[in-house]
C-alpha atoms as a PDB file:
ATOM      1  CA  MET A   1      47.296  84.083 101.076  1.00  0.00           C
ATOM      2  CA  THR A   2      46.077  85.761 104.211  1.00  0.00           C
ATOM      3  CA  LEU A   3      47.008  89.181 105.467  1.00  0.00           C
ATOM      4  CA  GLU A   4      49.065  87.644 108.276  1.00  0.00           C
ATOM      5  CA  GLN A   5      51.124  85.620 105.793  1.00  0.00           C
ATOM      6  CA  ALA A   6      51.731  88.692 103.655  1.00  0.00           C
ATOM      7  CA  ILE A   7      52.909  90.672 106.685  1.00  0.00           C
ATOM      8  CA  LEU A   8      55.147  87.770 107.713  1.00  0.00           C
ATOM      9  CA  TYR A   9      56.726  87.605 104.243  1.00  0.00           C
ATOM     10  CA  VAL A  10      57.328  91.345 104.234  1.00  0.00           C
ATOM     11  CA  ILE A  11      59.000  91.199 107.654  1.00  0.00           C
ATOM     12  CA  LEU A  12      61.073  88.204 106.563  1.00  0.00           C
ATOM     13  CA  GLY A  13      62.168  90.049 103.420  1.00  0.00           C
ATOM     14  CA  ILE A  14      63.194  93.090 105.455  1.00  0.00           C
ATOM     15  CA  VAL A  15      65.209  90.932 107.873  1.00  0.00           C
ATOM     16  CA  LEU A  16      66.956  89.177 104.982  1.00  0.00           C
ATOM     17  CA  ALA A  17      67.764  92.526 103.375  1.00  0.00           C
ATOM     18  CA  ILE A  18      69.266  93.770 106.646  1.00  0.00           C
ATOM     19  CA  VAL A  19      71.382  90.615 107.018  1.00  0.00           C
ATOM     20  CA  TYR A  20      72.620  90.948 103.424  1.00  0.00           C
ATOM     21  CA  SER A  21      73.489  94.611 103.972  1.00  0.00           C
ATOM     22  CA  ILE A  22      75.439  93.783 107.127  1.00  0.00           C
ATOM     23  CA  ARG A  23      77.331  91.085 105.207  1.00  0.00           C
ATOM     24  CA  ILE A  24      78.291  93.572 102.498  1.00  0.00           C
ATOM     25  CA  LEU A  25      79.377  96.118 105.130  1.00  0.00           C
ATOM     26  CA  VAL A  26      81.607  93.535 106.821  1.00  0.00           C
ATOM     27  CA  LEU A  27      83.236  92.661 103.492  1.00  0.00           C
ATOM     28  CA  LEU A  28      83.828  96.345 102.744  1.00  0.00           C
ATOM     29  CA  GLU A  29      85.305  96.887 106.197  1.00  0.00           C
ATOM     30  CA  ARG A  30      87.748  94.021 105.630  1.00  0.00           C
ATOM     31  CA  ARG A  31      88.808  95.494 102.297  1.00  0.00           C
ATOM     32  CA  ILE A  32      89.352  98.906 103.856  1.00  0.00           C
ATOM     33  CA  ALA A  33      91.377  97.337 106.681  1.00  0.00           C
ATOM     34  CA  ARG A  34      93.595  95.614 104.091  1.00  0.00           C
ATOM     35  CA  MET A  35      94.024  98.907 102.265  1.00  0.00           C
ATOM     36  CA  ASP A  36      95.043 100.586 105.525  1.00  0.00           C
ATOM     37  CA  GLU A  37      97.604  97.857 106.203  1.00  0.00           C
ATOM     38  CA  ASN A  38      99.053  98.288 102.715  1.00  0.00           C
ATOM     39  CA  ILE A  39      99.259 102.054 103.172  1.00  0.00           C
ATOM     40  CA  VAL A  40     101.134 101.559 106.451  1.00  0.00           C
ATOM     41  CA  ARG A  41     103.567  99.144 104.768  1.00  0.00           C
ATOM     42  CA  ILE A  42     104.199 101.542 101.884  1.00  0.00           C
ATOM     43  CA  THR A  43     104.691 104.429 104.301  1.00  0.00           C
ATOM     44  CA  ASN A  44     107.203 102.423 106.328  1.00  0.00           C
ATOM     45  CA  ARG A  45     109.128 101.549 103.161  1.00  0.00           C
ATOM     46  CA  ILE A  46     109.221 105.202 102.143  1.00  0.00           C
ATOM     47  CA  ILE A  47     110.469 106.217 105.597  1.00  0.00           C
ATOM     48  CA  SER A  48     113.230 103.613 105.520  1.00  0.00           C
ATOM     49  CA  GLU A  49     114.300 104.739 102.040  1.00  0.00           C
ATOM     50  CA  GLU A  50     114.340 108.365 103.179  1.00  0.00           C
ATOM     51  CA  LYS A  51     116.531 107.419 106.154  1.00  0.00           C
ATOM     52  CA  LYS A  52     118.948 105.634 103.813  1.00  0.00           C
ATOM     53  CA  ILE A  53     119.086 108.689 101.554  1.00  0.00           C
ATOM     54  CA  GLU A  54     119.655 111.001 104.529  1.00  0.00           C
ATOM     55  CA  SER A  55     122.488 108.837 105.826  1.00  0.00           C
ATOM     56  CA  VAL A  56     124.144 108.826 102.402  1.00  0.00           C
ATOM     57  CA  LEU A  57     123.812 112.617 102.180  1.00  0.00           C
ATOM     58  CA  LYS A  58     125.278 113.067 105.679  1.00  0.00           C
ATOM     59  CA  ARG A  59     128.308 110.958 104.734  1.00  0.00           C
ATOM     60  CA  LYS A  60     128.998 113.159 101.713  1.00  0.00           C
ATOM     61  CA  ARG A  61     129.140 116.309 103.857  1.00  0.00           C
END
């Protein structure tokens, strides 16, 4: 193996590592986006339940 081939393999390995890292980051970003959506849904449910409770309490007064 020549020096040029070794350098080429090292560069190729670095590029593949960067591509793999970007792939992992994209997957993590998707998971975090799903978590954010779930948090928004849960928050909206809590708000609607609180409004129901407030309306029931107002009726009792």
